[in-house]
Amino acid sequence: MANSQRLRRVADQIQRELSGLLRAELKDPRVGMITLTGVEVSPDLGHAKVFFTMLGDAEALARTEAGLKRAAGFLRVELGHRLKLRVTPEIRFVHDASVERGVRLSKLIDDAVAGKKDG
């Protein structure tokens, strides 16, 4: 059982290493420009939930998710070579919609403010 500070350090290290691997090593054309927004590691370090965001429509998101799911094994092996852990966590990618939600809310606020100025 790891303490919360260690879990946070491991999650940060996983995020850094995966970012580099996705940029330099992954050759899957389905995975384009994505941004890793966070990593949650289970207390036993057996699982890592990796949150990502990207620009594009639902079809592009589906392609990217399929590519990431297919590459998860390769990325886990490569992560195992880079991390100093007894067990490399199983990686699961999850789309983080918070950025899109934030942009949509910001636009709604801007539209509401613009509407008050006109009226």
PDB file of N, CA and C in Angstrom:
ATOM      1  N   MET A   1       0.846  -1.177   0.000  1.00  0.00           N
ATOM      2  CA  MET A   1       0.000   0.000   0.000  1.00  0.00           C
ATOM      3  C   MET A   1       0.888   1.236   0.000  1.00  0.00           C
ATOM      4  N   ALA A   2       0.683   2.092  -0.935  1.00  0.00           N
ATOM      5  CA  ALA A   2       1.501   3.299  -1.065  1.00  0.00           C
ATOM      6  C   ALA A   2       0.782   4.476  -0.399  1.00  0.00           C
ATOM      7  N   ASN A   3       1.570   5.432   0.109  1.00  0.00           N
ATOM      8  CA  ASN A   3       0.936   6.622   0.684  1.00  0.00           C
ATOM      9  C   ASN A   3       0.556   7.590  -0.436  1.00  0.00           C
ATOM     10  N   SER A   4      -0.277   8.588  -0.086  1.00  0.00           N
ATOM     11  CA  SER A   4      -0.816   9.471  -1.130  1.00  0.00           C
ATOM     12  C   SER A   4       0.262  10.301  -1.813  1.00  0.00           C
ATOM     13  N   GLN A   5       1.304  10.688  -1.087  1.00  0.00           N
ATOM     14  CA  GLN A   5       2.379  11.474  -1.709  1.00  0.00           C
ATOM     15  C   GLN A   5       3.129  10.627  -2.742  1.00  0.00           C
ATOM     16  N   ARG A   6       3.376   9.380  -2.430  1.00  0.00           N
ATOM     17  CA  ARG A   6       4.057   8.490  -3.375  1.00  0.00           C
ATOM     18  C   ARG A   6       3.176   8.236  -4.595  1.00  0.00           C
ATOM     19  N   LEU A   7       1.876   8.026  -4.362  1.00  0.00           N
ATOM     20  CA  LEU A   7       0.959   7.820  -5.486  1.00  0.00           C
ATOM     21  C   LEU A   7       0.976   9.018  -6.422  1.00  0.00           C
ATOM     22  N   ARG A   8       1.011  10.218  -5.864  1.00  0.00           N
ATOM     23  CA  ARG A   8       1.032  11.442  -6.678  1.00  0.00           C
ATOM     24  C   ARG A   8       2.335  11.521  -7.480  1.00  0.00           C
ATOM     25  N   ARG A   9       3.466  11.182  -6.850  1.00  0.00           N
ATOM     26  CA  ARG A   9       4.746  11.210  -7.567  1.00  0.00           C
ATOM     27  C   ARG A   9       4.771  10.185  -8.694  1.00  0.00           C
ATOM     28  N   VAL A  10       4.268   8.983  -8.422  1.00  0.00           N
ATOM     29  CA  VAL A  10       4.220   7.939  -9.452  1.00  0.00           C
ATOM     30  C   VAL A  10       3.309   8.369 -10.595  1.00  0.00           C
ATOM     31  N   ALA A  11       2.150   8.948 -10.268  1.00  0.00           N
ATOM     32  CA  ALA A  11       1.219   9.415 -11.304  1.00  0.00           C
ATOM     33  C   ALA A  11       1.870  10.497 -12.155  1.00  0.00           C
ATOM     34  N   ASP A  12       2.570  11.435 -11.525  1.00  0.00           N
ATOM     35  CA  ASP A  12       3.252  12.496 -12.280  1.00  0.00           C
ATOM     36  C   ASP A  12       4.330  11.916 -13.194  1.00  0.00           C
ATOM     37  N   GLN A  13       5.073  10.943 -12.686  1.00  0.00           N
ATOM     38  CA  GLN A  13       6.122  10.334 -13.497  1.00  0.00           C
ATOM     39  C   GLN A  13       5.519   9.558 -14.670  1.00  0.00           C
ATOM     40  N   ILE A  14       4.422   8.850 -14.429  1.00  0.00           N
ATOM     41  CA  ILE A  14       3.751   8.125 -15.509  1.00  0.00           C
ATOM     42  C   ILE A  14       3.281   9.104 -16.576  1.00  0.00           C
ATOM     43  N   GLN A  15       2.716  10.235 -16.158  1.00  0.00           N
ATOM     44  CA  GLN A  15       2.235  11.231 -17.115  1.00  0.00           C
ATOM     45  C   GLN A  15       3.379  11.780 -17.960  1.00  0.00           C
ATOM     46  N   ARG A  16       4.506  12.100 -17.323  1.00  0.00           N
ATOM     47  CA  ARG A  16       5.666  12.614 -18.078  1.00  0.00           C
ATOM     48  C   ARG A  16       6.186  11.583 -19.068  1.00  0.00           C
ATOM     49  N   GLU A  17       6.366  10.363 -18.608  1.00  0.00           N
ATOM     50  CA  GLU A  17       6.921   9.319 -19.475  1.00  0.00           C
ATOM     51  C   GLU A  17       5.976   8.975 -20.628  1.00  0.00           C
ATOM     52  N   LEU A  18       4.685   8.877 -20.331  1.00  0.00           N
ATOM     53  CA  LEU A  18       3.727   8.569 -21.399  1.00  0.00           C
ATOM     54  C   LEU A  18       3.659   9.689 -22.426  1.00  0.00           C
ATOM     55  N   SER A  19       3.750  10.927 -21.972  1.00  0.00           N
ATOM     56  CA  SER A  19       3.754  12.048 -22.925  1.00  0.00           C
ATOM     57  C   SER A  19       4.902  11.907 -23.903  1.00  0.00           C
ATOM     58  N   GLY A  20       6.070  11.602 -23.391  1.00  0.00           N
ATOM     59  CA  GLY A  20       7.232  11.408 -24.254  1.00  0.00           C
ATOM     60  C   GLY A  20       7.071  10.216 -25.178  1.00  0.00           C
ATOM     61  N   LEU A  21       6.542   9.118 -24.663  1.00  0.00           N
ATOM     62  CA  LEU A  21       6.337   7.926 -25.484  1.00  0.00           C
ATOM     63  C   LEU A  21       5.324   8.182 -26.595  1.00  0.00           C
ATOM     64  N   LEU A  22       4.233   8.866 -26.272  1.00  0.00           N
ATOM     65  CA  LEU A  22       3.220   9.152 -27.282  1.00  0.00           C
ATOM     66  C   LEU A  22       3.772  10.050 -28.373  1.00  0.00           C
ATOM     67  N   ARG A  23       4.622  10.988 -27.982  1.00  0.00           N
ATOM     68  CA  ARG A  23       5.181  11.933 -28.952  1.00  0.00           C
ATOM     69  C   ARG A  23       6.247  11.278 -29.820  1.00  0.00           C
ATOM     70  N   ALA A  24       7.126  10.467 -29.215  1.00  0.00           N
ATOM     71  CA  ALA A  24       8.308   9.987 -29.930  1.00  0.00           C
ATOM     72  C   ALA A  24       8.219   8.539 -30.424  1.00  0.00           C
ATOM     73  N   GLU A  25       7.528   7.678 -29.700  1.00  0.00           N
ATOM     74  CA  GLU A  25       7.596   6.250 -30.003  1.00  0.00           C
ATOM     75  C   GLU A  25       6.354   5.684 -30.688  1.00  0.00           C
ATOM     76  N   LEU A  26       5.186   6.228 -30.393  1.00  0.00           N
ATOM     77  CA  LEU A  26       3.948   5.648 -30.918  1.00  0.00           C
ATOM     78  C   LEU A  26       3.755   6.046 -32.378  1.00  0.00           C
ATOM     79  N   LYS A  27       3.603   5.049 -33.232  1.00  0.00           N
ATOM     80  CA  LYS A  27       3.493   5.291 -34.673  1.00  0.00           C
ATOM     81  C   LYS A  27       2.081   5.069 -35.205  1.00  0.00           C
ATOM     82  N   ASP A  28       1.099   4.878 -34.336  1.00  0.00           N
ATOM     83  CA  ASP A  28      -0.278   4.627 -34.770  1.00  0.00           C
ATOM     84  C   ASP A  28      -0.877   5.903 -35.359  1.00  0.00           C
ATOM     85  N   PRO A  29      -1.304   5.879 -36.625  1.00  0.00           N
ATOM     86  CA  PRO A  29      -1.847   7.095 -37.249  1.00  0.00           C
ATOM     87  C   PRO A  29      -3.180   7.539 -36.648  1.00  0.00           C
ATOM     88  N   ARG A  30      -3.868   6.643 -35.930  1.00  0.00           N
ATOM     89  CA  ARG A  30      -5.138   7.019 -35.305  1.00  0.00           C
ATOM     90  C   ARG A  30      -4.947   7.960 -34.125  1.00  0.00           C
ATOM     91  N   VAL A  31      -3.762   7.906 -33.532  1.00  0.00           N
ATOM     92  CA  VAL A  31      -3.486   8.747 -32.369  1.00  0.00           C
ATOM     93  C   VAL A  31      -2.745   9.983 -32.845  1.00  0.00           C
ATOM     94  N   GLY A  32      -3.454  11.084 -32.881  1.00  0.00           N
ATOM     95  CA  GLY A  32      -2.860  12.339 -33.332  1.00  0.00           C
ATOM     96  C   GLY A  32      -2.368  13.159 -32.152  1.00  0.00           C
ATOM     97  N   MET A  33      -2.673  14.443 -32.215  1.00  0.00           N
ATOM     98  CA  MET A  33      -2.265  15.361 -31.157  1.00  0.00           C
ATOM     99  C   MET A  33      -3.211  15.234 -29.969  1.00  0.00           C
ATOM    100  N   ILE A  34      -2.718  14.637 -28.896  1.00  0.00           N
ATOM    101  CA  ILE A  34      -3.506  14.563 -27.675  1.00  0.00           C
ATOM    102  C   ILE A  34      -2.704  15.174 -26.542  1.00  0.00           C
ATOM    103  N   THR A  35      -3.403  15.598 -25.519  1.00  0.00           N
ATOM    104  CA  THR A  35      -2.765  16.147 -24.333  1.00  0.00           C
ATOM    105  C   THR A  35      -3.184  15.298 -23.144  1.00  0.00           C
ATOM    106  N   LEU A  36      -2.216  14.831 -22.384  1.00  0.00           N
ATOM    107  CA  LEU A  36      -2.523  14.091 -21.166  1.00  0.00           C
ATOM    108  C   LEU A  36      -2.806  15.103 -20.067  1.00  0.00           C
ATOM    109  N   THR A  37      -3.993  15.024 -19.479  1.00  0.00           N
ATOM    110  CA  THR A  37      -4.397  16.008 -18.483  1.00  0.00           C
ATOM    111  C   THR A  37      -4.230  15.511 -17.062  1.00  0.00           C
ATOM    112  N   GLY A  38      -4.052  14.224 -16.874  1.00  0.00           N
ATOM    113  CA  GLY A  38      -3.865  13.713 -15.527  1.00  0.00           C
ATOM    114  C   GLY A  38      -3.776  12.209 -15.507  1.00  0.00           C
ATOM    115  N   VAL A  39      -3.300  11.695 -14.374  1.00  0.00           N
ATOM    116  CA  VAL A  39      -3.190  10.250 -14.178  1.00  0.00           C
ATOM    117  C   VAL A  39      -3.643   9.939 -12.757  1.00  0.00           C
ATOM    118  N   GLU A  40      -4.489   8.943 -12.619  1.00  0.00           N
ATOM    119  CA  GLU A  40      -4.894   8.438 -11.310  1.00  0.00           C
ATOM    120  C   GLU A  40      -4.346   7.023 -11.188  1.00  0.00           C
ATOM    121  N   VAL A  41      -3.623   6.762 -10.098  1.00  0.00           N
ATOM    122  CA  VAL A  41      -3.028   5.456  -9.872  1.00  0.00           C
ATOM    123  C   VAL A  41      -3.756   4.794  -8.710  1.00  0.00           C
ATOM    124  N   SER A  42      -4.066   3.509  -8.859  1.00  0.00           N
ATOM    125  CA  SER A  42      -4.731   2.784  -7.774  1.00  0.00           C
ATOM    126  C   SER A  42      -3.769   2.629  -6.600  1.00  0.00           C
ATOM    127  N   PRO A  43      -4.283   2.470  -5.391  1.00  0.00           N
ATOM    128  CA  PRO A  43      -3.411   2.368  -4.204  1.00  0.00           C
ATOM    129  C   PRO A  43      -2.390   1.231  -4.272  1.00  0.00           C
ATOM    130  N   ASP A  44      -2.722   0.147  -4.993  1.00  0.00           N
ATOM    131  CA  ASP A  44      -1.770  -0.963  -5.107  1.00  0.00           C
ATOM    132  C   ASP A  44      -0.838  -0.815  -6.305  1.00  0.00           C
ATOM    133  N   LEU A  45      -0.939   0.318  -7.014  1.00  0.00           N
ATOM    134  CA  LEU A  45      -0.124   0.616  -8.197  1.00  0.00           C
ATOM    135  C   LEU A  45      -0.343  -0.380  -9.337  1.00  0.00           C
ATOM    136  N   GLY A  46      -1.471  -1.083  -9.308  1.00  0.00           N
ATOM    137  CA  GLY A  46      -1.755  -2.062 -10.349  1.00  0.00           C
ATOM    138  C   GLY A  46      -2.442  -1.482 -11.573  1.00  0.00           C
ATOM    139  N   HIS A  47      -3.099  -0.344 -11.391  1.00  0.00           N
ATOM    140  CA  HIS A  47      -3.857   0.258 -12.495  1.00  0.00           C
ATOM    141  C   HIS A  47      -3.593   1.753 -12.542  1.00  0.00           C
ATOM    142  N   ALA A  48      -3.530   2.282 -13.748  1.00  0.00           N
ATOM    143  CA  ALA A  48      -3.378   3.726 -13.944  1.00  0.00           C
ATOM    144  C   ALA A  48      -4.437   4.176 -14.941  1.00  0.00           C
ATOM    145  N   LYS A  49      -5.244   5.135 -14.520  1.00  0.00           N
ATOM    146  CA  LYS A  49      -6.250   5.735 -15.393  1.00  0.00           C
ATOM    147  C   LYS A  49      -5.632   7.016 -15.931  1.00  0.00           C
ATOM    148  N   VAL A  50      -5.438   7.068 -17.248  1.00  0.00           N
ATOM    149  CA  VAL A  50      -4.777   8.197 -17.897  1.00  0.00           C
ATOM    150  C   VAL A  50      -5.832   9.028 -18.629  1.00  0.00           C
ATOM    151  N   PHE A  51      -5.964  10.291 -18.221  1.00  0.00           N
ATOM    152  CA  PHE A  51      -6.952  11.181 -18.817  1.00  0.00           C
ATOM    153  C   PHE A  51      -6.302  11.973 -19.941  1.00  0.00           C
ATOM    154  N   PHE A  52      -7.018  12.075 -21.067  1.00  0.00           N
ATOM    155  CA  PHE A  52      -6.486  12.812 -22.210  1.00  0.00           C
ATOM    156  C   PHE A  52      -7.566  13.690 -22.804  1.00  0.00           C
ATOM    157  N   THR A  53      -7.136  14.719 -23.514  1.00  0.00           N
ATOM    158  CA  THR A  53      -8.045  15.581 -24.251  1.00  0.00           C
ATOM    159  C   THR A  53      -7.472  15.793 -25.640  1.00  0.00           C
ATOM    160  N   MET A  54      -8.353  16.152 -26.554  1.00  0.00           N
ATOM    161  CA  MET A  54      -7.934  16.359 -27.935  1.00  0.00           C
ATOM    162  C   MET A  54      -8.943  17.245 -28.634  1.00  0.00           C
ATOM    163  N   LEU A  55      -8.535  17.809 -29.733  1.00  0.00           N
ATOM    164  CA  LEU A  55      -9.441  18.575 -30.573  1.00  0.00           C
ATOM    165  C   LEU A  55      -9.973  17.649 -31.652  1.00  0.00           C
ATOM    166  N   GLY A  56     -11.229  17.832 -32.013  1.00  0.00           N
ATOM    167  CA  GLY A  56     -11.794  17.008 -33.073  1.00  0.00           C
ATOM    168  C   GLY A  56     -13.217  16.610 -32.741  1.00  0.00           C
ATOM    169  N   ASP A  57     -13.834  15.948 -33.709  1.00  0.00           N
ATOM    170  CA  ASP A  57     -15.225  15.543 -33.547  1.00  0.00           C
ATOM    171  C   ASP A  57     -15.314  14.159 -32.902  1.00  0.00           C
ATOM    172  N   ALA A  58     -16.521  13.652 -32.788  1.00  0.00           N
ATOM    173  CA  ALA A  58     -16.746  12.360 -32.134  1.00  0.00           C
ATOM    174  C   ALA A  58     -16.076  11.220 -32.896  1.00  0.00           C
ATOM    175  N   GLU A  59     -16.037  11.336 -34.215  1.00  0.00           N
ATOM    176  CA  GLU A  59     -15.403  10.291 -35.027  1.00  0.00           C
ATOM    177  C   GLU A  59     -13.897  10.237 -34.768  1.00  0.00           C
ATOM    178  N   ALA A  60     -13.265  11.404 -34.707  1.00  0.00           N
ATOM    179  CA  ALA A  60     -11.829  11.468 -34.412  1.00  0.00           C
ATOM    180  C   ALA A  60     -11.548  10.952 -33.012  1.00  0.00           C
ATOM    181  N   LEU A  61     -12.431  11.259 -32.075  1.00  0.00           N
ATOM    182  CA  LEU A  61     -12.272  10.776 -30.703  1.00  0.00           C
ATOM    183  C   LEU A  61     -12.350   9.258 -30.661  1.00  0.00           C
ATOM    184  N   ALA A  62     -13.297   8.683 -31.387  1.00  0.00           N
ATOM    185  CA  ALA A  62     -13.440   7.222 -31.419  1.00  0.00           C
ATOM    186  C   ALA A  62     -12.196   6.561 -32.011  1.00  0.00           C
ATOM    187  N   ARG A  63     -11.660   7.139 -33.088  1.00  0.00           N
ATOM    188  CA  ARG A  63     -10.430   6.596 -33.694  1.00  0.00           C
ATOM    189  C   ARG A  63      -9.273   6.673 -32.708  1.00  0.00           C
ATOM    190  N   THR A  64      -9.144   7.816 -32.027  1.00  0.00           N
ATOM    191  CA  THR A  64      -8.043   8.002 -31.080  1.00  0.00           C
ATOM    192  C   THR A  64      -8.165   7.030 -29.915  1.00  0.00           C
ATOM    193  N   GLU A  65      -9.374   6.873 -29.389  1.00  0.00           N
ATOM    194  CA  GLU A  65      -9.578   5.929 -28.282  1.00  0.00           C
ATOM    195  C   GLU A  65      -9.221   4.506 -28.698  1.00  0.00           C
ATOM    196  N   ALA A  66      -9.594   4.133 -29.917  1.00  0.00           N
ATOM    197  CA  ALA A  66      -9.261   2.793 -30.417  1.00  0.00           C
ATOM    198  C   ALA A  66      -7.749   2.627 -30.537  1.00  0.00           C
ATOM    199  N   GLY A  67      -7.081   3.654 -31.045  1.00  0.00           N
ATOM    200  CA  GLY A  67      -5.625   3.594 -31.177  1.00  0.00           C
ATOM    201  C   GLY A  67      -4.933   3.512 -29.822  1.00  0.00           C
ATOM    202  N   LEU A  68      -5.408   4.276 -28.860  1.00  0.00           N
ATOM    203  CA  LEU A  68      -4.813   4.252 -27.520  1.00  0.00           C
ATOM    204  C   LEU A  68      -5.054   2.911 -26.835  1.00  0.00           C
ATOM    205  N   LYS A  69      -6.251   2.366 -27.014  1.00  0.00           N
ATOM    206  CA  LYS A  69      -6.559   1.066 -26.413  1.00  0.00           C
ATOM    207  C   LYS A  69      -5.651  -0.016 -26.989  1.00  0.00           C
ATOM    208  N   ARG A  70      -5.449   0.057 -28.302  1.00  0.00           N
ATOM    209  CA  ARG A  70      -4.578  -0.922 -28.966  1.00  0.00           C
ATOM    210  C   ARG A  70      -3.121  -0.767 -28.535  1.00  0.00           C
ATOM    211  N   ALA A  71      -2.691   0.475 -28.285  1.00  0.00           N
ATOM    212  CA  ALA A  71      -1.291   0.746 -27.934  1.00  0.00           C
ATOM    213  C   ALA A  71      -1.005   0.592 -26.441  1.00  0.00           C
ATOM    214  N   ALA A  72      -2.028   0.366 -25.631  1.00  0.00           N
ATOM    215  CA  ALA A  72      -1.844   0.338 -24.177  1.00  0.00           C
ATOM    216  C   ALA A  72      -0.805  -0.705 -23.738  1.00  0.00           C
ATOM    217  N   GLY A  73      -0.814  -1.862 -24.350  1.00  0.00           N
ATOM    218  CA  GLY A  73       0.160  -2.904 -23.991  1.00  0.00           C
ATOM    219  C   GLY A  73       1.591  -2.483 -24.302  1.00  0.00           C
ATOM    220  N   PHE A  74       1.789  -1.960 -25.512  1.00  0.00           N
ATOM    221  CA  PHE A  74       3.116  -1.464 -25.912  1.00  0.00           C
ATOM    222  C   PHE A  74       3.584  -0.363 -24.968  1.00  0.00           C
ATOM    223  N   LEU A  75       2.679   0.572 -24.659  1.00  0.00           N
ATOM    224  CA  LEU A  75       3.048   1.687 -23.782  1.00  0.00           C
ATOM    225  C   LEU A  75       3.372   1.191 -22.377  1.00  0.00           C
ATOM    226  N   ARG A  76       2.657   0.178 -21.920  1.00  0.00           N
ATOM    227  CA  ARG A  76       2.939  -0.384 -20.588  1.00  0.00           C
ATOM    228  C   ARG A  76       4.328  -1.008 -20.538  1.00  0.00           C
ATOM    229  N   VAL A  77       4.677  -1.748 -21.577  1.00  0.00           N
ATOM    230  CA  VAL A  77       6.012  -2.366 -21.631  1.00  0.00           C
ATOM    231  C   VAL A  77       7.093  -1.284 -21.640  1.00  0.00           C
ATOM    232  N   GLU A  78       6.923  -0.281 -22.485  1.00  0.00           N
ATOM    233  CA  GLU A  78       7.907   0.802 -22.560  1.00  0.00           C
ATOM    234  C   GLU A  78       7.981   1.573 -21.248  1.00  0.00           C
ATOM    235  N   LEU A  79       6.848   1.759 -20.605  1.00  0.00           N
ATOM    236  CA  LEU A  79       6.809   2.435 -19.309  1.00  0.00           C
ATOM    237  C   LEU A  79       7.555   1.607 -18.266  1.00  0.00           C
ATOM    238  N   GLY A  80       7.423   0.305 -18.352  1.00  0.00           N
ATOM    239  CA  GLY A  80       8.123  -0.589 -17.431  1.00  0.00           C
ATOM    240  C   GLY A  80       9.632  -0.467 -17.520  1.00  0.00           C
ATOM    241  N   HIS A  81      10.144  -0.194 -18.717  1.00  0.00           N
ATOM    242  CA  HIS A  81      11.584  -0.006 -18.888  1.00  0.00           C
ATOM    243  C   HIS A  81      12.061   1.291 -18.266  1.00  0.00           C
ATOM    244  N   ARG A  82      11.184   2.288 -18.175  1.00  0.00           N
ATOM    245  CA  ARG A  82      11.571   3.619 -17.714  1.00  0.00           C
ATOM    246  C   ARG A  82      11.315   3.869 -16.229  1.00  0.00           C
ATOM    247  N   LEU A  83      10.346   3.164 -15.649  1.00  0.00           N
ATOM    248  CA  LEU A  83       9.998   3.378 -14.250  1.00  0.00           C
ATOM    249  C   LEU A  83      10.721   2.375 -13.357  1.00  0.00           C
ATOM    250  N   LYS A  84      10.997   2.793 -12.153  1.00  0.00           N
ATOM    251  CA  LYS A  84      11.650   1.913 -11.183  1.00  0.00           C
ATOM    252  C   LYS A  84      10.593   1.358 -10.225  1.00  0.00           C
ATOM    253  N   LEU A  85       9.684   0.546 -10.787  1.00  0.00           N
ATOM    254  CA  LEU A  85       8.617  -0.056  -9.997  1.00  0.00           C
ATOM    255  C   LEU A  85       8.679  -1.570 -10.146  1.00  0.00           C
ATOM    256  N   ARG A  86       8.244  -2.288  -9.101  1.00  0.00           N
ATOM    257  CA  ARG A  86       8.210  -3.744  -9.191  1.00  0.00           C
ATOM    258  C   ARG A  86       7.175  -4.201 -10.210  1.00  0.00           C
ATOM    259  N   VAL A  87       6.012  -3.535 -10.197  1.00  0.00           N
ATOM    260  CA  VAL A  87       4.931  -3.870 -11.115  1.00  0.00           C
ATOM    261  C   VAL A  87       4.555  -2.622 -11.898  1.00  0.00           C
ATOM    262  N   THR A  88       4.495  -2.751 -13.207  1.00  0.00           N
ATOM    263  CA  THR A  88       4.077  -1.624 -14.039  1.00  0.00           C
ATOM    264  C   THR A  88       2.550  -1.627 -14.090  1.00  0.00           C
ATOM    265  N   PRO A  89       1.926  -0.487 -13.808  1.00  0.00           N
ATOM    266  CA  PRO A  89       0.459  -0.450 -13.799  1.00  0.00           C
ATOM    267  C   PRO A  89      -0.150  -0.732 -15.164  1.00  0.00           C
ATOM    268  N   GLU A  90      -1.317  -1.349 -15.150  1.00  0.00           N
ATOM    269  CA  GLU A  90      -2.096  -1.543 -16.366  1.00  0.00           C
ATOM    270  C   GLU A  90      -2.687  -0.180 -16.731  1.00  0.00           C
ATOM    271  N   ILE A  91      -2.575   0.198 -17.994  1.00  0.00           N
ATOM    272  CA  ILE A  91      -2.971   1.544 -18.425  1.00  0.00           C
ATOM    273  C   ILE A  91      -4.353   1.509 -19.072  1.00  0.00           C
ATOM    274  N   ARG A  92      -5.192   2.450 -18.648  1.00  0.00           N
ATOM    275  CA  ARG A  92      -6.506   2.622 -19.270  1.00  0.00           C
ATOM    276  C   ARG A  92      -6.666   4.100 -19.588  1.00  0.00           C
ATOM    277  N   PHE A  93      -6.956   4.400 -20.849  1.00  0.00           N
ATOM    278  CA  PHE A  93      -7.117   5.781 -21.292  1.00  0.00           C
ATOM    279  C   PHE A  93      -8.584   6.196 -21.199  1.00  0.00           C
ATOM    280  N   VAL A  94      -8.810   7.410 -20.671  1.00  0.00           N
ATOM    281  CA  VAL A  94     -10.159   7.946 -20.499  1.00  0.00           C
ATOM    282  C   VAL A  94     -10.175   9.360 -21.056  1.00  0.00           C
ATOM    283  N   HIS A  95     -11.160   9.640 -21.925  1.00  0.00           N
ATOM    284  CA  HIS A  95     -11.274  10.981 -22.495  1.00  0.00           C
ATOM    285  C   HIS A  95     -11.715  11.950 -21.407  1.00  0.00           C
ATOM    286  N   ASP A  96     -11.027  13.077 -21.297  1.00  0.00           N
ATOM    287  CA  ASP A  96     -11.332  14.123 -20.324  1.00  0.00           C
ATOM    288  C   ASP A  96     -12.085  15.228 -21.046  1.00  0.00           C
ATOM    289  N   ALA A  97     -13.382  15.308 -20.807  1.00  0.00           N
ATOM    290  CA  ALA A  97     -14.221  16.283 -21.504  1.00  0.00           C
ATOM    291  C   ALA A  97     -14.268  17.628 -20.784  1.00  0.00           C
ATOM    292  N   SER A  98     -13.527  17.790 -19.710  1.00  0.00           N
ATOM    293  CA  SER A  98     -13.611  19.030 -18.927  1.00  0.00           C
ATOM    294  C   SER A  98     -13.149  20.250 -19.729  1.00  0.00           C
ATOM    295  N   VAL A  99     -12.163  20.090 -20.594  1.00  0.00           N
ATOM    296  CA  VAL A  99     -11.674  21.220 -21.387  1.00  0.00           C
ATOM    297  C   VAL A  99     -12.757  21.693 -22.356  1.00  0.00           C
ATOM    298  N   GLU A 100     -13.383  20.744 -23.062  1.00  0.00           N
ATOM    299  CA  GLU A 100     -14.460  21.113 -23.987  1.00  0.00           C
ATOM    300  C   GLU A 100     -15.623  21.752 -23.233  1.00  0.00           C
ATOM    301  N   ARG A 101     -15.959  21.182 -22.065  1.00  0.00           N
ATOM    302  CA  ARG A 101     -17.031  21.752 -21.253  1.00  0.00           C
ATOM    303  C   ARG A 101     -16.697  23.172 -20.833  1.00  0.00           C
ATOM    304  N   GLY A 102     -15.452  23.418 -20.447  1.00  0.00           N
ATOM    305  CA  GLY A 102     -15.017  24.755 -20.053  1.00  0.00           C
ATOM    306  C   GLY A 102     -15.104  25.750 -21.193  1.00  0.00           C
ATOM    307  N   VAL A 103     -14.695  25.339 -22.387  1.00  0.00           N
ATOM    308  CA  VAL A 103     -14.770  26.220 -23.558  1.00  0.00           C
ATOM    309  C   VAL A 103     -16.226  26.545 -23.875  1.00  0.00           C
ATOM    310  N   ARG A 104     -17.089  25.534 -23.809  1.00  0.00           N
ATOM    311  CA  ARG A 104     -18.507  25.741 -24.096  1.00  0.00           C
ATOM    312  C   ARG A 104     -19.146  26.695 -23.073  1.00  0.00           C
ATOM    313  N   LEU A 105     -18.827  26.512 -21.787  1.00  0.00           N
ATOM    314  CA  LEU A 105     -19.364  27.408 -20.755  1.00  0.00           C
ATOM    315  C   LEU A 105     -18.847  28.834 -20.930  1.00  0.00           C
ATOM    316  N   SER A 106     -17.580  28.964 -21.260  1.00  0.00           N
ATOM    317  CA  SER A 106     -16.996  30.295 -21.474  1.00  0.00           C
ATOM    318  C   SER A 106     -17.687  31.009 -22.624  1.00  0.00           C
ATOM    319  N   LYS A 107     -17.967  30.252 -23.699  1.00  0.00           N
ATOM    320  CA  LYS A 107     -18.669  30.846 -24.850  1.00  0.00           C
ATOM    321  C   LYS A 107     -20.079  31.272 -24.453  1.00  0.00           C
ATOM    322  N   LEU A 108     -20.771  30.453 -23.668  1.00  0.00           N
ATOM    323  CA  LEU A 108     -22.115  30.809 -23.217  1.00  0.00           C
ATOM    324  C   LEU A 108     -22.096  32.079 -22.367  1.00  0.00           C
ATOM    325  N   ILE A 109     -21.105  32.188 -21.504  1.00  0.00           N
ATOM    326  CA  ILE A 109     -20.979  33.388 -20.665  1.00  0.00           C
ATOM    327  C   ILE A 109     -20.700  34.606 -21.532  1.00  0.00           C
ATOM    328  N   ASP A 110     -19.774  34.459 -22.480  1.00  0.00           N
ATOM    329  CA  ASP A 110     -19.463  35.570 -23.385  1.00  0.00           C
ATOM    330  C   ASP A 110     -20.693  35.999 -24.181  1.00  0.00           C
ATOM    331  N   ASP A 111     -21.467  35.010 -24.664  1.00  0.00           N
ATOM    332  CA  ASP A 111     -22.686  35.328 -25.419  1.00  0.00           C
ATOM    333  C   ASP A 111     -23.711  36.045 -24.543  1.00  0.00           C
ATOM    334  N   ALA A 112     -23.835  35.606 -23.288  1.00  0.00           N
ATOM    335  CA  ALA A 112     -24.782  36.237 -22.377  1.00  0.00           C
ATOM    336  C   ALA A 112     -24.360  37.670 -22.066  1.00  0.00           C
ATOM    337  N   VAL A 113     -23.081  37.915 -21.865  1.00  0.00           N
ATOM    338  CA  VAL A 113     -22.586  39.253 -21.589  1.00  0.00           C
ATOM    339  C   VAL A 113     -22.785  40.148 -22.811  1.00  0.00           C
ATOM    340  N   ALA A 114     -22.507  39.634 -24.000  1.00  0.00           N
ATOM    341  CA  ALA A 114     -22.682  40.382 -25.234  1.00  0.00           C
ATOM    342  C   ALA A 114     -24.160  40.715 -25.446  1.00  0.00           C
ATOM    343  N   GLY A 115     -25.050  39.815 -25.070  1.00  0.00           N
ATOM    344  CA  GLY A 115     -26.481  40.037 -25.200  1.00  0.00           C
ATOM    345  C   GLY A 115     -26.966  41.164 -24.295  1.00  0.00           C
ATOM    346  N   LYS A 116     -26.390  41.280 -23.106  1.00  0.00           N
ATOM    347  CA  LYS A 116     -26.781  42.342 -22.169  1.00  0.00           C
ATOM    348  C   LYS A 116     -26.325  43.708 -22.675  1.00  0.00           C
ATOM    349  N   LYS A 117     -25.174  43.753 -23.322  1.00  0.00           N
ATOM    350  CA  LYS A 117     -24.646  45.021 -23.846  1.00  0.00           C
ATOM    351  C   LYS A 117     -25.522  45.523 -24.989  1.00  0.00           C
ATOM    352  N   ASP A 118     -26.018  44.602 -25.826  1.00  0.00           N
ATOM    353  CA  ASP A 118     -26.836  44.983 -26.978  1.00  0.00           C
ATOM    354  C   ASP A 118     -28.237  45.441 -26.547  1.00  0.00           C
ATOM    355  N   GLY A 119     -28.758  44.849 -25.483  1.00  0.00           N
ATOM    356  CA  GLY A 119     -30.137  45.125 -25.085  1.00  0.00           C
ATOM    357  C   GLY A 119     -30.242  46.254 -24.185  1.00  0.00           C
TER     358      GLY A 119
END
